[in-house]
Amino acid sequence: ESDPGDDSDAWLNTRVGAVWKGGERVSR
């Protein structure tokens, strides 16, 4: 949902917005 960039702590707090597997959306 956001770009954590080079901020190591931001990587833990960045939410996953969606996942695609094999070109098909499998999460929201």
mmCIF file of all heavy atoms, coordinates in Angstrom:
data_MODEL
# 
_entry.id   MODEL 
# 
loop_
_atom_site.group_PDB 
_atom_site.id 
_atom_site.type_symbol 
_atom_site.label_atom_id 
_atom_site.label_alt_id 
_atom_site.label_comp_id 
_atom_site.label_asym_id 
_atom_site.label_entity_id 
_atom_site.label_seq_id 
_atom_site.pdbx_PDB_ins_code 
_atom_site.Cartn_x 
_atom_site.Cartn_y 
_atom_site.Cartn_z 
_atom_site.occupancy 
_atom_site.B_iso_or_equiv 
_atom_site.pdbx_formal_charge 
_atom_site.auth_seq_id 
_atom_site.auth_comp_id 
_atom_site.auth_asym_id 
_atom_site.auth_atom_id 
_atom_site.pdbx_PDB_model_num 
ATOM 1   N N   . GLU A 1 1  ? 0.803   -1.218  0.000   1.00 0.00 ? 1  GLU A N   1 
ATOM 2   C CA  . GLU A 1 1  ? 0.000   0.000   0.000   1.00 0.00 ? 1  GLU A CA  1 
ATOM 3   C C   . GLU A 1 1  ? 0.838   1.271   0.000   1.00 0.00 ? 1  GLU A C   1 
ATOM 4   O O   . GLU A 1 1  ? 0.352   2.323   -0.381  1.00 0.00 ? 1  GLU A O   1 
ATOM 5   C CB  . GLU A 1 1  ? -0.967  -0.003  1.185   1.00 0.00 ? 1  GLU A CB  1 
ATOM 6   C CG  . GLU A 1 1  ? -2.068  -1.014  1.030   1.00 0.00 ? 1  GLU A CG  1 
ATOM 7   C CD  . GLU A 1 1  ? -3.093  -0.944  2.145   1.00 0.00 ? 1  GLU A CD  1 
ATOM 8   O OE1 . GLU A 1 1  ? -2.846  -0.270  3.161   1.00 0.00 ? 1  GLU A OE1 1 
ATOM 9   O OE2 . GLU A 1 1  ? -4.145  -1.574  1.995   1.00 0.00 ? 1  GLU A OE2 1 
ATOM 10  N N   . SER A 1 2  ? 2.074   1.193   0.454   1.00 0.00 ? 2  SER A N   1 
ATOM 11  C CA  . SER A 1 2  ? 2.966   2.353   0.417   1.00 0.00 ? 2  SER A CA  1 
ATOM 12  C C   . SER A 1 2  ? 4.388   1.871   0.148   1.00 0.00 ? 2  SER A C   1 
ATOM 13  O O   . SER A 1 2  ? 4.692   0.691   0.295   1.00 0.00 ? 2  SER A O   1 
ATOM 14  C CB  . SER A 1 2  ? 2.903   3.125   1.736   1.00 0.00 ? 2  SER A CB  1 
ATOM 15  O OG  . SER A 1 2  ? 3.346   2.313   2.801   1.00 0.00 ? 2  SER A OG  1 
ATOM 16  N N   . ASP A 1 3  ? 5.231   2.791   -0.264  1.00 0.00 ? 3  ASP A N   1 
ATOM 17  C CA  . ASP A 1 3  ? 6.624   2.461   -0.570  1.00 0.00 ? 3  ASP A CA  1 
ATOM 18  C C   . ASP A 1 3  ? 7.468   2.661   0.681   1.00 0.00 ? 3  ASP A C   1 
ATOM 19  O O   . ASP A 1 3  ? 7.697   3.788   1.103   1.00 0.00 ? 3  ASP A O   1 
ATOM 20  C CB  . ASP A 1 3  ? 7.130   3.358   -1.699  1.00 0.00 ? 3  ASP A CB  1 
ATOM 21  C CG  . ASP A 1 3  ? 8.580   3.097   -2.055  1.00 0.00 ? 3  ASP A CG  1 
ATOM 22  O OD1 . ASP A 1 3  ? 9.189   2.162   -1.485  1.00 0.00 ? 3  ASP A OD1 1 
ATOM 23  O OD2 . ASP A 1 3  ? 9.124   3.835   -2.893  1.00 0.00 ? 3  ASP A OD2 1 
ATOM 24  N N   . PRO A 1 4  ? 7.957   1.583   1.290   1.00 0.00 ? 4  PRO A N   1 
ATOM 25  C CA  . PRO A 1 4  ? 8.757   1.728   2.503   1.00 0.00 ? 4  PRO A CA  1 
ATOM 26  C C   . PRO A 1 4  ? 10.174  2.237   2.232   1.00 0.00 ? 4  PRO A C   1 
ATOM 27  O O   . PRO A 1 4  ? 10.870  2.640   3.158   1.00 0.00 ? 4  PRO A O   1 
ATOM 28  C CB  . PRO A 1 4  ? 8.779   0.317   3.084   1.00 0.00 ? 4  PRO A CB  1 
ATOM 29  C CG  . PRO A 1 4  ? 8.517   -0.572  1.931   1.00 0.00 ? 4  PRO A CG  1 
ATOM 30  C CD  . PRO A 1 4  ? 7.690   0.201   0.957   1.00 0.00 ? 4  PRO A CD  1 
ATOM 31  N N   . GLY A 1 5  ? 10.597  2.210   0.975   1.00 0.00 ? 5  GLY A N   1 
ATOM 32  C CA  . GLY A 1 5  ? 11.926  2.711   0.626   1.00 0.00 ? 5  GLY A CA  1 
ATOM 33  C C   . GLY A 1 5  ? 13.025  2.018   1.407   1.00 0.00 ? 5  GLY A C   1 
ATOM 34  O O   . GLY A 1 5  ? 12.969  0.823   1.650   1.00 0.00 ? 5  GLY A O   1 
ATOM 35  N N   . ASP A 1 6  ? 14.031  2.784   1.817   1.00 0.00 ? 6  ASP A N   1 
ATOM 36  C CA  . ASP A 1 6  ? 15.168  2.227   2.548   1.00 0.00 ? 6  ASP A CA  1 
ATOM 37  C C   . ASP A 1 6  ? 14.984  2.253   4.059   1.00 0.00 ? 6  ASP A C   1 
ATOM 38  O O   . ASP A 1 6  ? 15.905  1.960   4.807   1.00 0.00 ? 6  ASP A O   1 
ATOM 39  C CB  . ASP A 1 6  ? 16.447  2.998   2.183   1.00 0.00 ? 6  ASP A CB  1 
ATOM 40  C CG  . ASP A 1 6  ? 16.921  2.695   0.768   1.00 0.00 ? 6  ASP A CG  1 
ATOM 41  O OD1 . ASP A 1 6  ? 16.700  1.566   0.285   1.00 0.00 ? 6  ASP A OD1 1 
ATOM 42  O OD2 . ASP A 1 6  ? 17.527  3.584   0.149   1.00 0.00 ? 6  ASP A OD2 1 
ATOM 43  N N   . ASP A 1 7  ? 13.767  2.578   4.530   1.00 0.00 ? 7  ASP A N   1 
ATOM 44  C CA  . ASP A 1 7  ? 13.466  2.626   5.958   1.00 0.00 ? 7  ASP A CA  1 
ATOM 45  C C   . ASP A 1 7  ? 13.152  1.210   6.444   1.00 0.00 ? 7  ASP A C   1 
ATOM 46  O O   . ASP A 1 7  ? 12.077  0.673   6.166   1.00 0.00 ? 7  ASP A O   1 
ATOM 47  C CB  . ASP A 1 7  ? 12.282  3.566   6.202   1.00 0.00 ? 7  ASP A CB  1 
ATOM 48  C CG  . ASP A 1 7  ? 11.901  3.693   7.664   1.00 0.00 ? 7  ASP A CG  1 
ATOM 49  O OD1 . ASP A 1 7  ? 12.363  2.888   8.498   1.00 0.00 ? 7  ASP A OD1 1 
ATOM 50  O OD2 . ASP A 1 7  ? 11.106  4.601   7.963   1.00 0.00 ? 7  ASP A OD2 1 
ATOM 51  N N   . SER A 1 8  ? 14.089  0.616   7.170   1.00 0.00 ? 8  SER A N   1 
ATOM 52  C CA  . SER A 1 8  ? 13.925  -0.783  7.583   1.00 0.00 ? 8  SER A CA  1 
ATOM 53  C C   . SER A 1 8  ? 12.672  -1.009  8.423   1.00 0.00 ? 8  SER A C   1 
ATOM 54  O O   . SER A 1 8  ? 11.979  -2.007  8.247   1.00 0.00 ? 8  SER A O   1 
ATOM 55  C CB  . SER A 1 8  ? 15.165  -1.276  8.326   1.00 0.00 ? 8  SER A CB  1 
ATOM 56  O OG  . SER A 1 8  ? 15.395  -0.503  9.479   1.00 0.00 ? 8  SER A OG  1 
ATOM 57  N N   . ASP A 1 9  ? 12.357  -0.081  9.330   1.00 0.00 ? 9  ASP A N   1 
ATOM 58  C CA  . ASP A 1 9  ? 11.163  -0.250  10.160  1.00 0.00 ? 9  ASP A CA  1 
ATOM 59  C C   . ASP A 1 9  ? 9.875   -0.135  9.352   1.00 0.00 ? 9  ASP A C   1 
ATOM 60  O O   . ASP A 1 9  ? 8.881   -0.789  9.657   1.00 0.00 ? 9  ASP A O   1 
ATOM 61  C CB  . ASP A 1 9  ? 11.152  0.759   11.300  1.00 0.00 ? 9  ASP A CB  1 
ATOM 62  C CG  . ASP A 1 9  ? 12.220  0.440   12.343  1.00 0.00 ? 9  ASP A CG  1 
ATOM 63  O OD1 . ASP A 1 9  ? 12.579  -0.751  12.479  1.00 0.00 ? 9  ASP A OD1 1 
ATOM 64  O OD2 . ASP A 1 9  ? 12.690  1.371   13.009  1.00 0.00 ? 9  ASP A OD2 1 
ATOM 65  N N   . ALA A 1 10 ? 9.882   0.687   8.308   1.00 0.00 ? 10 ALA A N   1 
ATOM 66  C CA  . ALA A 1 10 ? 8.684   0.852   7.476   1.00 0.00 ? 10 ALA A CA  1 
ATOM 67  C C   . ALA A 1 10 ? 8.315   -0.450  6.770   1.00 0.00 ? 10 ALA A C   1 
ATOM 68  O O   . ALA A 1 10 ? 7.138   -0.678  6.483   1.00 0.00 ? 10 ALA A O   1 
ATOM 69  C CB  . ALA A 1 10 ? 8.892   1.968   6.456   1.00 0.00 ? 10 ALA A CB  1 
ATOM 70  N N   . TRP A 1 11 ? 9.288   -1.316  6.510   1.00 0.00 ? 11 TRP A N   1 
ATOM 71  C CA  . TRP A 1 11 ? 8.988   -2.597  5.860   1.00 0.00 ? 11 TRP A CA  1 
ATOM 72  C C   . TRP A 1 11 ? 8.090   -3.464  6.736   1.00 0.00 ? 11 TRP A C   1 
ATOM 73  O O   . TRP A 1 11 ? 7.272   -4.220  6.224   1.00 0.00 ? 11 TRP A O   1 
ATOM 74  C CB  . TRP A 1 11 ? 10.271  -3.336  5.481   1.00 0.00 ? 11 TRP A CB  1 
ATOM 75  C CG  . TRP A 1 11 ? 10.822  -2.817  4.200   1.00 0.00 ? 11 TRP A CG  1 
ATOM 76  C CD1 . TRP A 1 11 ? 11.695  -1.772  4.045   1.00 0.00 ? 11 TRP A CD1 1 
ATOM 77  C CD2 . TRP A 1 11 ? 10.488  -3.254  2.890   1.00 0.00 ? 11 TRP A CD2 1 
ATOM 78  N NE1 . TRP A 1 11 ? 11.927  -1.550  2.719   1.00 0.00 ? 11 TRP A NE1 1 
ATOM 79  C CE2 . TRP A 1 11 ? 11.206  -2.458  1.977   1.00 0.00 ? 11 TRP A CE2 1 
ATOM 80  C CE3 . TRP A 1 11 ? 9.654   -4.250  2.389   1.00 0.00 ? 11 TRP A CE3 1 
ATOM 81  C CZ2 . TRP A 1 11 ? 11.115  -2.625  0.603   1.00 0.00 ? 11 TRP A CZ2 1 
ATOM 82  C CZ3 . TRP A 1 11 ? 9.572   -4.425  1.016   1.00 0.00 ? 11 TRP A CZ3 1 
ATOM 83  C CH2 . TRP A 1 11 ? 10.296  -3.615  0.137   1.00 0.00 ? 11 TRP A CH2 1 
ATOM 84  N N   . LEU A 1 12 ? 8.216   -3.358  8.051   1.00 0.00 ? 12 LEU A N   1 
ATOM 85  C CA  . LEU A 1 12 ? 7.359   -4.140  8.948   1.00 0.00 ? 12 LEU A CA  1 
ATOM 86  C C   . LEU A 1 12 ? 5.960   -3.565  9.047   1.00 0.00 ? 12 LEU A C   1 
ATOM 87  O O   . LEU A 1 12 ? 5.005   -4.280  9.320   1.00 0.00 ? 12 LEU A O   1 
ATOM 88  C CB  . LEU A 1 12 ? 7.973   -4.198  10.347  1.00 0.00 ? 12 LEU A CB  1 
ATOM 89  C CG  . LEU A 1 12 ? 9.276   -4.967  10.480  1.00 0.00 ? 12 LEU A CG  1 
ATOM 90  C CD1 . LEU A 1 12 ? 9.720   -4.971  11.934  1.00 0.00 ? 12 LEU A CD1 1 
ATOM 91  C CD2 . LEU A 1 12 ? 9.138   -6.389  9.960   1.00 0.00 ? 12 LEU A CD2 1 
ATOM 92  N N   . ASN A 1 13 ? 5.831   -2.263  8.834   1.00 0.00 ? 13 ASN A N   1 
ATOM 93  C CA  . ASN A 1 13 ? 4.548   -1.593  9.008   1.00 0.00 ? 13 ASN A CA  1 
ATOM 94  C C   . ASN A 1 13 ? 3.778   -1.380  7.714   1.00 0.00 ? 13 ASN A C   1 
ATOM 95  O O   . ASN A 1 13 ? 2.645   -0.919  7.742   1.00 0.00 ? 13 ASN A O   1 
ATOM 96  C CB  . ASN A 1 13 ? 4.769   -0.241  9.707   1.00 0.00 ? 13 ASN A CB  1 
ATOM 97  C CG  . ASN A 1 13 ? 5.400   -0.428  11.065  1.00 0.00 ? 13 ASN A CG  1 
ATOM 98  O OD1 . ASN A 1 13 ? 5.036   -1.325  11.806  1.00 0.00 ? 13 ASN A OD1 1 
ATOM 99  N ND2 . ASN A 1 13 ? 6.377   0.400   11.382  1.00 0.00 ? 13 ASN A ND2 1 
ATOM 100 N N   . THR A 1 14 ? 4.367   -1.681  6.582   1.00 0.00 ? 14 THR A N   1 
ATOM 101 C CA  . THR A 1 14 ? 3.707   -1.505  5.289   1.00 0.00 ? 14 THR A CA  1 
ATOM 102 C C   . THR A 1 14 ? 2.717   -2.639  5.067   1.00 0.00 ? 14 THR A C   1 
ATOM 103 O O   . THR A 1 14 ? 3.074   -3.812  5.154   1.00 0.00 ? 14 THR A O   1 
ATOM 104 C CB  . THR A 1 14 ? 4.740   -1.464  4.150   1.00 0.00 ? 14 THR A CB  1 
ATOM 105 O OG1 . THR A 1 14 ? 5.619   -0.370  4.380   1.00 0.00 ? 14 THR A OG1 1 
ATOM 106 C CG2 . THR A 1 14 ? 4.076   -1.327  2.809   1.00 0.00 ? 14 THR A CG2 1 
ATOM 107 N N   . ARG A 1 15 ? 1.473   -2.271  4.794   1.00 0.00 ? 15 ARG A N   1 
ATOM 108 C CA  . ARG A 1 15 ? 0.428   -3.285  4.584   1.00 0.00 ? 15 ARG A CA  1 
ATOM 109 C C   . ARG A 1 15 ? 0.456   -3.838  3.166   1.00 0.00 ? 15 ARG A C   1 
ATOM 110 O O   . ARG A 1 15 ? 0.733   -3.118  2.218   1.00 0.00 ? 15 ARG A O   1 
ATOM 111 C CB  . ARG A 1 15 ? -0.946  -2.671  4.846   1.00 0.00 ? 15 ARG A CB  1 
ATOM 112 C CG  . ARG A 1 15 ? -1.238  -2.432  6.309   1.00 0.00 ? 15 ARG A CG  1 
ATOM 113 C CD  . ARG A 1 15 ? -2.618  -1.819  6.556   1.00 0.00 ? 15 ARG A CD  1 
ATOM 114 N NE  . ARG A 1 15 ? -3.656  -2.195  5.622   1.00 0.00 ? 15 ARG A NE  1 
ATOM 115 C CZ  . ARG A 1 15 ? -4.507  -3.223  5.784   1.00 0.00 ? 15 ARG A CZ  1 
ATOM 116 N NH1 . ARG A 1 15 ? -4.422  -3.969  6.841   1.00 0.00 ? 15 ARG A NH1 1 
ATOM 117 N NH2 . ARG A 1 15 ? -5.425  -3.460  4.884   1.00 0.00 ? 15 ARG A NH2 1 
ATOM 118 N N   . VAL A 1 16 ? 0.136   -5.119  3.062   1.00 0.00 ? 16 VAL A N   1 
ATOM 119 C CA  . VAL A 1 16 ? -0.040  -5.748  1.754   1.00 0.00 ? 16 VAL A CA  1 
ATOM 120 C C   . VAL A 1 16 ? -1.431  -5.387  1.270   1.00 0.00 ? 16 VAL A C   1 
ATOM 121 O O   . VAL A 1 16 ? -2.424  -5.665  1.946   1.00 0.00 ? 16 VAL A O   1 
ATOM 122 C CB  . VAL A 1 16 ? 0.118   -7.282  1.844   1.00 0.00 ? 16 VAL A CB  1 
ATOM 123 C CG1 . VAL A 1 16 ? -0.252  -7.945  0.531   1.00 0.00 ? 16 VAL A CG1 1 
ATOM 124 C CG2 . VAL A 1 16 ? 1.535   -7.634  2.264   1.00 0.00 ? 16 VAL A CG2 1 
ATOM 125 N N   . GLY A 1 17 ? -1.513  -4.734  0.107   1.00 0.00 ? 17 GLY A N   1 
ATOM 126 C CA  . GLY A 1 17 ? -2.800  -4.327  -0.439  1.00 0.00 ? 17 GLY A CA  1 
ATOM 127 C C   . GLY A 1 17 ? -3.481  -5.437  -1.213  1.00 0.00 ? 17 GLY A C   1 
ATOM 128 O O   . GLY A 1 17 ? -4.688  -5.619  -1.129  1.00 0.00 ? 17 GLY A O   1 
ATOM 129 N N   . ALA A 1 18 ? -2.703  -6.216  -1.972  1.00 0.00 ? 18 ALA A N   1 
ATOM 130 C CA  . ALA A 1 18 ? -3.281  -7.300  -2.768  1.00 0.00 ? 18 ALA A CA  1 
ATOM 131 C C   . ALA A 1 18 ? -2.162  -8.222  -3.238  1.00 0.00 ? 18 ALA A C   1 
ATOM 132 O O   . ALA A 1 18 ? -0.993  -7.854  -3.250  1.00 0.00 ? 18 ALA A O   1 
ATOM 133 C CB  . ALA A 1 18 ? -4.030  -6.746  -3.975  1.00 0.00 ? 18 ALA A CB  1 
ATOM 134 N N   . VAL A 1 19 ? -2.556  -9.440  -3.636  1.00 0.00 ? 19 VAL A N   1 
ATOM 135 C CA  . VAL A 1 19 ? -1.619  -10.437 -4.151  1.00 0.00 ? 19 VAL A CA  1 
ATOM 136 C C   . VAL A 1 19 ? -2.210  -11.042 -5.415  1.00 0.00 ? 19 VAL A C   1 
ATOM 137 O O   . VAL A 1 19 ? -3.401  -11.353 -5.462  1.00 0.00 ? 19 VAL A O   1 
ATOM 138 C CB  . VAL A 1 19 ? -1.356  -11.558 -3.115  1.00 0.00 ? 19 VAL A CB  1 
ATOM 139 C CG1 . VAL A 1 19 ? -0.456  -12.632 -3.686  1.00 0.00 ? 19 VAL A CG1 1 
ATOM 140 C CG2 . VAL A 1 19 ? -0.781  -10.983 -1.826  1.00 0.00 ? 19 VAL A CG2 1 
ATOM 141 N N   . TRP A 1 20 ? -1.366  -11.189 -6.442  1.00 0.00 ? 20 TRP A N   1 
ATOM 142 C CA  . TRP A 1 20 ? -1.749  -11.877 -7.667  1.00 0.00 ? 20 TRP A CA  1 
ATOM 143 C C   . TRP A 1 20 ? -0.872  -13.105 -7.807  1.00 0.00 ? 20 TRP A C   1 
ATOM 144 O O   . TRP A 1 20 ? 0.329   -13.050 -7.555  1.00 0.00 ? 20 TRP A O   1 
ATOM 145 C CB  . TRP A 1 20 ? -1.515  -10.990 -8.891  1.00 0.00 ? 20 TRP A CB  1 
ATOM 146 C CG  . TRP A 1 20 ? -2.491  -9.875  -9.030  1.00 0.00 ? 20 TRP A CG  1 
ATOM 147 C CD1 . TRP A 1 20 ? -3.617  -9.860  -9.806  1.00 0.00 ? 20 TRP A CD1 1 
ATOM 148 C CD2 . TRP A 1 20 ? -2.429  -8.589  -8.413  1.00 0.00 ? 20 TRP A CD2 1 
ATOM 149 N NE1 . TRP A 1 20 ? -4.261  -8.658  -9.690  1.00 0.00 ? 20 TRP A NE1 1 
ATOM 150 C CE2 . TRP A 1 20 ? -3.552  -7.854  -8.844  1.00 0.00 ? 20 TRP A CE2 1 
ATOM 151 C CE3 . TRP A 1 20 ? -1.551  -7.983  -7.526  1.00 0.00 ? 20 TRP A CE3 1 
ATOM 152 C CZ2 . TRP A 1 20 ? -3.798  -6.560  -8.427  1.00 0.00 ? 20 TRP A CZ2 1 
ATOM 153 C CZ3 . TRP A 1 20 ? -1.788  -6.698  -7.105  1.00 0.00 ? 20 TRP A CZ3 1 
ATOM 154 C CH2 . TRP A 1 20 ? -2.904  -6.001  -7.566  1.00 0.00 ? 20 TRP A CH2 1 
ATOM 155 N N   . LYS A 1 21 ? -1.463  -14.231 -8.176  1.00 0.00 ? 21 LYS A N   1 
ATOM 156 C CA  . LYS A 1 21 ? -0.718  -15.468 -8.422  1.00 0.00 ? 21 LYS A CA  1 
ATOM 157 C C   . LYS A 1 21 ? -1.084  -15.963 -9.800  1.00 0.00 ? 21 LYS A C   1 
ATOM 158 O O   . LYS A 1 21 ? -2.256  -16.127 -10.111 1.00 0.00 ? 21 LYS A O   1 
ATOM 159 C CB  . LYS A 1 21 ? -1.049  -16.515 -7.366  1.00 0.00 ? 21 LYS A CB  1 
ATOM 160 C CG  . LYS A 1 21 ? -0.290  -17.811 -7.573  1.00 0.00 ? 21 LYS A CG  1 
ATOM 161 C CD  . LYS A 1 21 ? -0.124  -18.549 -6.283  1.00 0.00 ? 21 LYS A CD  1 
ATOM 162 C CE  . LYS A 1 21 ? 0.618   -19.842 -6.452  1.00 0.00 ? 21 LYS A CE  1 
ATOM 163 N NZ  . LYS A 1 21 ? 1.919   -19.734 -7.031  1.00 0.00 ? 21 LYS A NZ  1 
ATOM 164 N N   . GLY A 1 22 ? -0.087  -16.163 -10.628 1.00 0.00 ? 22 GLY A N   1 
ATOM 165 C CA  . GLY A 1 22 ? -0.339  -16.596 -11.997 1.00 0.00 ? 22 GLY A CA  1 
ATOM 166 C C   . GLY A 1 22 ? -1.172  -15.597 -12.772 1.00 0.00 ? 22 GLY A C   1 
ATOM 167 O O   . GLY A 1 22 ? -1.937  -15.970 -13.652 1.00 0.00 ? 22 GLY A O   1 
ATOM 168 N N   . GLY A 1 23 ? -1.044  -14.324 -12.427 1.00 0.00 ? 23 GLY A N   1 
ATOM 169 C CA  . GLY A 1 23 ? -1.787  -13.279 -13.110 1.00 0.00 ? 23 GLY A CA  1 
ATOM 170 C C   . GLY A 1 23 ? -3.211  -13.091 -12.615 1.00 0.00 ? 23 GLY A C   1 
ATOM 171 O O   . GLY A 1 23 ? -3.935  -12.230 -13.093 1.00 0.00 ? 23 GLY A O   1 
ATOM 172 N N   . GLU A 1 24 ? -3.609  -13.877 -11.617 1.00 0.00 ? 24 GLU A N   1 
ATOM 173 C CA  . GLU A 1 24 ? -4.976  -13.802 -11.086 1.00 0.00 ? 24 GLU A CA  1 
ATOM 174 C C   . GLU A 1 24 ? -4.947  -13.273 -9.657  1.00 0.00 ? 24 GLU A C   1 
ATOM 175 O O   . GLU A 1 24 ? -4.166  -13.748 -8.824  1.00 0.00 ? 24 GLU A O   1 
ATOM 176 C CB  . GLU A 1 24 ? -5.591  -15.213 -11.094 1.00 0.00 ? 24 GLU A CB  1 
ATOM 177 C CG  . GLU A 1 24 ? -7.076  -15.224 -11.075 1.00 0.00 ? 24 GLU A CG  1 
ATOM 178 C CD  . GLU A 1 24 ? -7.589  -16.644 -11.310 1.00 0.00 ? 24 GLU A CD  1 
ATOM 179 O OE1 . GLU A 1 24 ? -7.162  -17.294 -12.272 1.00 0.00 ? 24 GLU A OE1 1 
ATOM 180 O OE2 . GLU A 1 24 ? -8.430  -17.073 -10.498 1.00 0.00 ? 24 GLU A OE2 1 
ATOM 181 N N   . ARG A 1 25 ? -5.803  -12.291 -9.369  1.00 0.00 ? 25 ARG A N   1 
ATOM 182 C CA  . ARG A 1 25 ? -5.842  -11.710 -8.029  1.00 0.00 ? 25 ARG A CA  1 
ATOM 183 C C   . ARG A 1 25 ? -6.403  -12.724 -7.044  1.00 0.00 ? 25 ARG A C   1 
ATOM 184 O O   . ARG A 1 25 ? -7.503  -13.242 -7.222  1.00 0.00 ? 25 ARG A O   1 
ATOM 185 C CB  . ARG A 1 25 ? -6.693  -10.448 -8.035  1.00 0.00 ? 25 ARG A CB  1 
ATOM 186 C CG  . ARG A 1 25 ? -6.561  -9.653  -6.757  1.00 0.00 ? 25 ARG A CG  1 
ATOM 187 C CD  . ARG A 1 25 ? -7.229  -8.321  -6.897  1.00 0.00 ? 25 ARG A CD  1 
ATOM 188 N NE  . ARG A 1 25 ? -6.966  -7.504  -5.722  1.00 0.00 ? 25 ARG A NE  1 
ATOM 189 C CZ  . ARG A 1 25 ? -7.229  -6.231  -5.653  1.00 0.00 ? 25 ARG A CZ  1 
ATOM 190 N NH1 . ARG A 1 25 ? -7.766  -5.602  -6.688  1.00 0.00 ? 25 ARG A NH1 1 
ATOM 191 N NH2 . ARG A 1 25 ? -6.972  -5.563  -4.565  1.00 0.00 ? 25 ARG A NH2 1 
ATOM 192 N N   . VAL A 1 26 ? -5.625  -13.000 -5.990  1.00 0.00 ? 26 VAL A N   1 
ATOM 193 C CA  . VAL A 1 26 ? -6.049  -13.996 -5.008  1.00 0.00 ? 26 VAL A CA  1 
ATOM 194 C C   . VAL A 1 26 ? -6.281  -13.390 -3.630  1.00 0.00 ? 26 VAL A C   1 
ATOM 195 O O   . VAL A 1 26 ? -6.702  -14.097 -2.711  1.00 0.00 ? 26 VAL A O   1 
ATOM 196 C CB  . VAL A 1 26 ? -5.010  -15.144 -4.897  1.00 0.00 ? 26 VAL A CB  1 
ATOM 197 C CG1 . VAL A 1 26 ? -4.950  -15.921 -6.192  1.00 0.00 ? 26 VAL A CG1 1 
ATOM 198 C CG2 . VAL A 1 26 ? -3.637  -14.633 -4.493  1.00 0.00 ? 26 VAL A CG2 1 
ATOM 199 N N   . SER A 1 27 ? -5.993  -12.083 -3.454  1.00 0.00 ? 27 SER A N   1 
ATOM 200 C CA  . SER A 1 27 ? -6.276  -11.443 -2.181  1.00 0.00 ? 27 SER A CA  1 
ATOM 201 C C   . SER A 1 27 ? -6.634  -9.989  -2.382  1.00 0.00 ? 27 SER A C   1 
ATOM 202 O O   . SER A 1 27 ? -6.301  -9.384  -3.406  1.00 0.00 ? 27 SER A O   1 
ATOM 203 C CB  . SER A 1 27 ? -5.083  -11.531 -1.230  1.00 0.00 ? 27 SER A CB  1 
ATOM 204 O OG  . SER A 1 27 ? -4.125  -10.566 -1.561  1.00 0.00 ? 27 SER A OG  1 
ATOM 205 N N   . ARG A 1 28 ? -7.322  -9.444  -1.415  1.00 0.00 ? 28 ARG A N   1 
ATOM 206 C CA  . ARG A 1 28 ? -7.685  -8.031  -1.407  1.00 0.00 ? 28 ARG A CA  1 
ATOM 207 C C   . ARG A 1 28 ? -7.537  -7.563  0.043   1.00 0.00 ? 28 ARG A C   1 
ATOM 208 O O   . ARG A 1 28 ? -7.976  -8.242  0.958   1.00 0.00 ? 28 ARG A O   1 
ATOM 209 C CB  . ARG A 1 28 ? -9.113  -7.859  -1.884  1.00 0.00 ? 28 ARG A CB  1 
ATOM 210 C CG  . ARG A 1 28 ? -9.555  -6.437  -2.026  1.00 0.00 ? 28 ARG A CG  1 
ATOM 211 C CD  . ARG A 1 28 ? -10.992 -6.275  -2.544  1.00 0.00 ? 28 ARG A CD  1 
ATOM 212 N NE  . ARG A 1 28 ? -11.598 -7.362  -3.281  1.00 0.00 ? 28 ARG A NE  1 
ATOM 213 C CZ  . ARG A 1 28 ? -11.449 -7.598  -4.609  1.00 0.00 ? 28 ARG A CZ  1 
ATOM 214 N NH1 . ARG A 1 28 ? -10.704 -6.838  -5.335  1.00 0.00 ? 28 ARG A NH1 1 
ATOM 215 N NH2 . ARG A 1 28 ? -12.062 -8.597  -5.185  1.00 0.00 ? 28 ARG A NH2 1 
# 
